[in-house]
Every structure is written in structure tokens, then in C-alpha cells.
PDB file of N, CA and C in Angstrom:
ATOM      1  N   MET A   1       0.902  -1.299  -0.006  1.00  0.00           N
ATOM      2  CA  MET A   1       0.171  -0.350   0.218  1.00  0.00           C
ATOM      3  C   MET A   1       0.738   0.958  -0.067  1.00  0.00           C
ATOM      4  N   PRO A   2       0.638   2.291  -0.916  1.00  0.00           N
ATOM      5  CA  PRO A   2       1.947   3.452  -0.988  1.00  0.00           C
ATOM      6  C   PRO A   2       1.178   4.223  -0.101  1.00  0.00           C
ATOM      7  N   LYS A   3       2.217   5.166   0.136  1.00  0.00           N
ATOM      8  CA  LYS A   3       2.473   6.791   1.041  1.00  0.00           C
ATOM      9  C   LYS A   3       0.833   7.044   1.034  1.00  0.00           C
ATOM     10  N   ASN A   4       0.157   7.430  -0.613  1.00  0.00           N
ATOM     11  CA  ASN A   4      -0.413   8.312  -0.616  1.00  0.00           C
ATOM     12  C   ASN A   4      -1.930   7.489  -0.187  1.00  0.00           C
ATOM     13  N   VAL A   5      -1.864   6.986  -0.624  1.00  0.00           N
ATOM     14  CA  VAL A   5      -3.357   5.915  -0.172  1.00  0.00           C
ATOM     15  C   VAL A   5      -3.141   6.292   1.481  1.00  0.00           C
ATOM     16  N   ALA A   6      -2.569   6.079   1.755  1.00  0.00           N
ATOM     17  CA  ALA A   6      -2.488   6.092   3.301  1.00  0.00           C
ATOM     18  C   ALA A   6      -2.848   7.238   3.975  1.00  0.00           C
ATOM     19  N   GLN A   7      -2.175   8.474   3.194  1.00  0.00           N
ATOM     20  CA  GLN A   7      -2.484   9.678   3.422  1.00  0.00           C
ATOM     21  C   GLN A   7      -3.955  10.294   3.312  1.00  0.00           C
ATOM     22  N   PHE A   8      -4.258   9.331   2.050  1.00  0.00           N
ATOM     23  CA  PHE A   8      -6.082   9.667   1.813  1.00  0.00           C
ATOM     24  C   PHE A   8      -6.726   9.250   2.627  1.00  0.00           C
ATOM     25  N   THR A   9      -6.312   8.152   2.827  1.00  0.00           N
ATOM     26  CA  THR A   9      -6.991   7.395   3.945  1.00  0.00           C
ATOM     27  C   THR A   9      -7.495   8.112   5.546  1.00  0.00           C
ATOM     28  N   GLY A  10      -5.962   9.231   5.685  1.00  0.00           N
ATOM     29  CA  GLY A  10      -6.258  10.040   6.854  1.00  0.00           C
ATOM     30  C   GLY A  10      -7.123  10.692   6.721  1.00  0.00           C
ATOM     31  N   VAL A  11      -7.223  11.843   5.550  1.00  0.00           N
ATOM     32  CA  VAL A  11      -8.417  12.767   4.767  1.00  0.00           C
ATOM     33  C   VAL A  11      -9.548  12.608   5.071  1.00  0.00           C
ATOM     34  N   MET A  12      -9.842  10.967   4.606  1.00  0.00           N
ATOM     35  CA  MET A  12     -11.065  10.961   4.120  1.00  0.00           C
ATOM     36  C   MET A  12     -12.007  10.656   6.037  1.00  0.00           C
ATOM     37  N   VAL A  13     -10.876  10.121   6.759  1.00  0.00           N
ATOM     38  CA  VAL A  13     -11.311   9.744   7.880  1.00  0.00           C
ATOM     39  C   VAL A  13     -11.846  11.375   8.333  1.00  0.00           C
ATOM     40  N   THR A  14     -10.933  11.866   8.522  1.00  0.00           N
ATOM     41  CA  THR A  14     -11.051  13.328   8.904  1.00  0.00           C
ATOM     42  C   THR A  14     -12.041  13.907   8.514  1.00  0.00           C
ATOM     43  N   ALA A  15     -12.650  13.527   7.199  1.00  0.00           N
ATOM     44  CA  ALA A  15     -14.046  14.517   6.814  1.00  0.00           C
ATOM     45  C   ALA A  15     -15.050  13.696   7.566  1.00  0.00           C
ATOM     46  N   ILE A  16     -14.632  12.401   7.179  1.00  0.00           N
ATOM     47  CA  ILE A  16     -16.283  11.566   7.854  1.00  0.00           C
ATOM     48  C   ILE A  16     -16.047  12.028   9.394  1.00  0.00           C
ATOM     49  N   ILE A  17     -15.260  11.784  10.107  1.00  0.00           N
ATOM     50  CA  ILE A  17     -15.920  12.244  11.818  1.00  0.00           C
ATOM     51  C   ILE A  17     -16.140  13.821  11.400  1.00  0.00           C
ATOM     52  N   VAL A  18     -15.512  14.818  10.997  1.00  0.00           N
ATOM     53  CA  VAL A  18     -15.448  15.589  10.882  1.00  0.00           C
ATOM     54  C   VAL A  18     -17.479  16.371  10.366  1.00  0.00           C
ATOM     55  N   PHE A  19     -17.640  16.179   9.311  1.00  0.00           N
ATOM     56  CA  PHE A  19     -19.048  15.927   8.773  1.00  0.00           C
ATOM     57  C   PHE A  19     -20.264  15.283   9.493  1.00  0.00           C
ATOM     58  N   GLY A  20     -19.452  13.943  10.287  1.00  0.00           N
ATOM     59  CA  GLY A  20     -20.405  13.378  10.863  1.00  0.00           C
ATOM     60  C   GLY A  20     -20.603  14.158  12.123  1.00  0.00           C
ATOM     61  N   THR A  21     -20.027  15.095  12.786  1.00  0.00           N
ATOM     62  CA  THR A  21     -20.566  15.949  14.394  1.00  0.00           C
ATOM     63  C   THR A  21     -20.537  17.182  13.981  1.00  0.00           C
ATOM     64  N   ASP A  22     -21.520  17.783  14.817  1.00  0.00           N
ATOM     65  CA  ASP A  22     -21.575  19.581  14.871  1.00  0.00           C
ATOM     66  C   ASP A  22     -20.692  19.823  15.663  1.00  0.00           C
ATOM     67  N   MET A  23     -20.776  19.892  16.652  1.00  0.00           N
ATOM     68  CA  MET A  23     -20.242  20.469  17.782  1.00  0.00           C
ATOM     69  C   MET A  23     -19.270  20.229  18.847  1.00  0.00           C
ATOM     70  N   ASP A  24     -18.231  18.707  17.792  1.00  0.00           N
ATOM     71  CA  ASP A  24     -17.197  18.607  18.432  1.00  0.00           C
ATOM     72  C   ASP A  24     -16.376  18.369  17.705  1.00  0.00           C
ATOM     73  N   VAL A  25     -16.003  19.357  16.669  1.00  0.00           N
ATOM     74  CA  VAL A  25     -15.009  19.132  15.556  1.00  0.00           C
ATOM     75  C   VAL A  25     -13.479  19.532  16.349  1.00  0.00           C
ATOM     76  N   PHE A  26     -13.618  20.430  17.206  1.00  0.00           N
ATOM     77  CA  PHE A  26     -12.268  19.856  17.893  1.00  0.00           C
ATOM     78  C   PHE A  26     -11.717  19.100  18.610  1.00  0.00           C
ATOM     79  N   TYR A  27     -12.901  17.972  19.007  1.00  0.00           N
ATOM     80  CA  TYR A  27     -12.444  16.722  19.325  1.00  0.00           C
ATOM     81  C   TYR A  27     -12.410  15.591  18.341  1.00  0.00           C
ATOM     82  N   ALA A  28     -13.336  16.374  16.958  1.00  0.00           N
ATOM     83  CA  ALA A  28     -12.940  14.733  16.075  1.00  0.00           C
ATOM     84  C   ALA A  28     -11.734  15.519  15.380  1.00  0.00           C
ATOM     85  N   MET A  29     -11.158  16.532  14.765  1.00  0.00           N
ATOM     86  CA  MET A  29      -9.928  16.717  14.001  1.00  0.00           C
ATOM     87  C   MET A  29      -8.840  16.074  14.439  1.00  0.00           C
ATOM     88  N   PRO A  30      -8.558  16.224  15.425  1.00  0.00           N
ATOM     89  CA  PRO A  30      -6.948  15.209  16.149  1.00  0.00           C
ATOM     90  C   PRO A  30      -7.720  13.873  16.495  1.00  0.00           C
ATOM     91  N   LEU A  31      -8.511  13.275  16.433  1.00  0.00           N
ATOM     92  CA  LEU A  31      -8.801  11.767  15.870  1.00  0.00           C
ATOM     93  C   LEU A  31      -8.408  11.581  14.516  1.00  0.00           C
ATOM     94  N   GLY A  32      -8.919  11.982  13.332  1.00  0.00           N
ATOM     95  CA  GLY A  32      -9.015  12.314  12.061  1.00  0.00           C
ATOM     96  C   GLY A  32      -7.298  12.068  11.988  1.00  0.00           C
ATOM     97  N   ILE A  33      -6.412  13.061  11.949  1.00  0.00           N
ATOM     98  CA  ILE A  33      -5.212  13.604  11.845  1.00  0.00           C
ATOM     99  C   ILE A  33      -4.396  12.374  12.456  1.00  0.00           C
ATOM    100  N   MET A  34      -4.717  11.683  13.944  1.00  0.00           N
ATOM    101  CA  MET A  34      -4.435  10.656  14.410  1.00  0.00           C
ATOM    102  C   MET A  34      -4.323   9.225  13.445  1.00  0.00           C
ATOM    103  N   ALA A  35      -5.429   8.586  12.905  1.00  0.00           N
ATOM    104  CA  ALA A  35      -5.585   7.852  12.178  1.00  0.00           C
ATOM    105  C   ALA A  35      -4.765   8.038  11.035  1.00  0.00           C
ATOM    106  N   GLY A  36      -4.731   9.000  10.590  1.00  0.00           N
ATOM    107  CA  GLY A  36      -3.629   9.052   8.831  1.00  0.00           C
ATOM    108  C   GLY A  36      -2.526   8.972   9.334  1.00  0.00           C
ATOM    109  N   ALA A  37      -1.748   9.624  10.387  1.00  0.00           N
ATOM    110  CA  ALA A  37      -0.541   9.231  11.285  1.00  0.00           C
ATOM    111  C   ALA A  37      -0.683   7.961  11.611  1.00  0.00           C
ATOM    112  N   LEU A  38      -1.857   7.048  12.279  1.00  0.00           N
ATOM    113  CA  LEU A  38      -1.899   5.641  12.373  1.00  0.00           C
ATOM    114  C   LEU A  38      -1.298   4.823  10.700  1.00  0.00           C
ATOM    115  N   ALA A  39      -2.207   5.565  10.464  1.00  0.00           N
ATOM    116  CA  ALA A  39      -2.053   4.431   8.264  1.00  0.00           C
ATOM    117  C   ALA A  39      -0.471   4.424   7.823  1.00  0.00           C
ATOM    118  N   THR A  40      -0.187   5.895   8.061  1.00  0.00           N
ATOM    119  CA  THR A  40       1.019   6.166   7.402  1.00  0.00           C
ATOM    120  C   THR A  40       2.131   5.245   8.267  1.00  0.00           C
ATOM    121  N   PHE A  41       2.120   4.963   9.711  1.00  0.00           N
ATOM    122  CA  PHE A  41       2.973   4.308  10.289  1.00  0.00           C
ATOM    123  C   PHE A  41       3.296   2.957   9.873  1.00  0.00           C
ATOM    124  N   PHE A  42       1.640   2.528   9.741  1.00  0.00           N
ATOM    125  CA  PHE A  42       1.260   0.837   9.390  1.00  0.00           C
ATOM    126  C   PHE A  42       1.789   0.854   7.784  1.00  0.00           C
ATOM    127  N   VAL A  43       1.875   1.210   6.841  1.00  0.00           N
ATOM    128  CA  VAL A  43       2.177   1.481   5.918  1.00  0.00           C
ATOM    129  C   VAL A  43       3.907   1.572   5.813  1.00  0.00           C
ATOM    130  N   ALA A  44       4.798   2.309   6.572  1.00  0.00           N
ATOM    131  CA  ALA A  44       6.194   2.004   6.422  1.00  0.00           C
ATOM    132  C   ALA A  44       6.609   1.021   7.189  1.00  0.00           C
ATOM    133  N   LEU A  45       5.814   0.617   7.943  1.00  0.00           N
ATOM    134  CA  LEU A  45       6.937  -0.893   8.965  1.00  0.00           C
ATOM    135  C   LEU A  45       5.968  -1.745   7.658  1.00  0.00           C
ATOM    136  N   SER A  46       5.170  -1.579   6.802  1.00  0.00           N
ATOM    137  CA  SER A  46       4.762  -2.994   5.818  1.00  0.00           C
ATOM    138  C   SER A  46       6.064  -2.953   5.265  1.00  0.00           C
ATOM    139  N   GLU A  47       6.178  -1.930   4.722  1.00  0.00           N
ATOM    140  CA  GLU A  47       7.543  -1.361   3.550  1.00  0.00           C
ATOM    141  C   GLU A  47       8.626  -2.431   3.998  1.00  0.00           C
ATOM    142  N   GLN A  48       9.103  -1.775   5.547  1.00  0.00           N
ATOM    143  CA  GLN A  48      10.466  -1.981   5.991  1.00  0.00           C
ATOM    144  C   GLN A  48      10.940  -3.605   5.968  1.00  0.00           C
ATOM    145  N   LEU A  49       9.161  -4.409   6.430  1.00  0.00           N
ATOM    146  CA  LEU A  49       9.363  -5.732   6.858  1.00  0.00           C
ATOM    147  C   LEU A  49       9.455  -6.386   5.500  1.00  0.00           C
ATOM    148  N   GLN A  50       8.927  -5.753   4.159  1.00  0.00           N
ATOM    149  CA  GLN A  50       9.122  -6.452   3.044  1.00  0.00           C
ATOM    150  C   GLN A  50      10.725  -6.403   2.178  1.00  0.00           C
ATOM    151  N   MET A  51      11.209  -5.204   2.312  1.00  0.00           N
ATOM    152  CA  MET A  51      13.085  -4.895   2.357  1.00  0.00           C
ATOM    153  C   MET A  51      13.532  -5.667   3.341  1.00  0.00           C
ATOM    154  N   VAL A  52      13.082  -6.333   4.390  1.00  0.00           N
ATOM    155  CA  VAL A  52      13.683  -7.314   4.933  1.00  0.00           C
ATOM    156  C   VAL A  52      13.872  -8.652   4.487  1.00  0.00           C
ATOM    157  N   ARG A  53      12.425  -8.713   4.372  1.00  0.00           N
ATOM    158  CA  ARG A  53      12.290 -10.551   3.753  1.00  0.00           C
ATOM    159  C   ARG A  53      12.875 -10.479   2.360  1.00  0.00           C
ATOM    160  N   ARG A  54      13.374  -9.165   1.987  1.00  0.00           N
ATOM    161  CA  ARG A  54      13.859  -9.481   0.600  1.00  0.00           C
ATOM    162  C   ARG A  54      15.474  -9.685   0.323  1.00  0.00           C
ATOM    163  N   ALA A  55      16.048  -9.181   1.589  1.00  0.00           N
ATOM    164  CA  ALA A  55      17.186  -9.669   2.098  1.00  0.00           C
ATOM    165  C   ALA A  55      17.868 -10.555   1.909  1.00  0.00           C
TER     166      ALA A  55
END
């Protein structure tokens, strides 16, 4: 999974959370940003594991 898909996923999660709430925007935005960061972390971890298996 390329990094741009993980970043797109984070943006989509942020949009879903923010547009799904009215008063809790300040609570929802950090959750969406953390979801994107977590997705990027797992993508990077997966890429490193693939490189180790090739070597």
C-alpha cells in the first residue's frame, strides 16, 4: 500500500468524522489526524518488513 493511499485514508477519515459531528469538531479533528498518522506508520512498517524479507 503506497503512502499516498494512507494519507488519502487519513483525509477521508477526518472528513467523515468532522462532517458527522456538529459541535465536536475540536475533538474530531485530532482523531482524524491521528488516524492518518497511524495509517502512515503501518504502511512504513509494512514496507520495511518487505525490504527485510527480500534481503
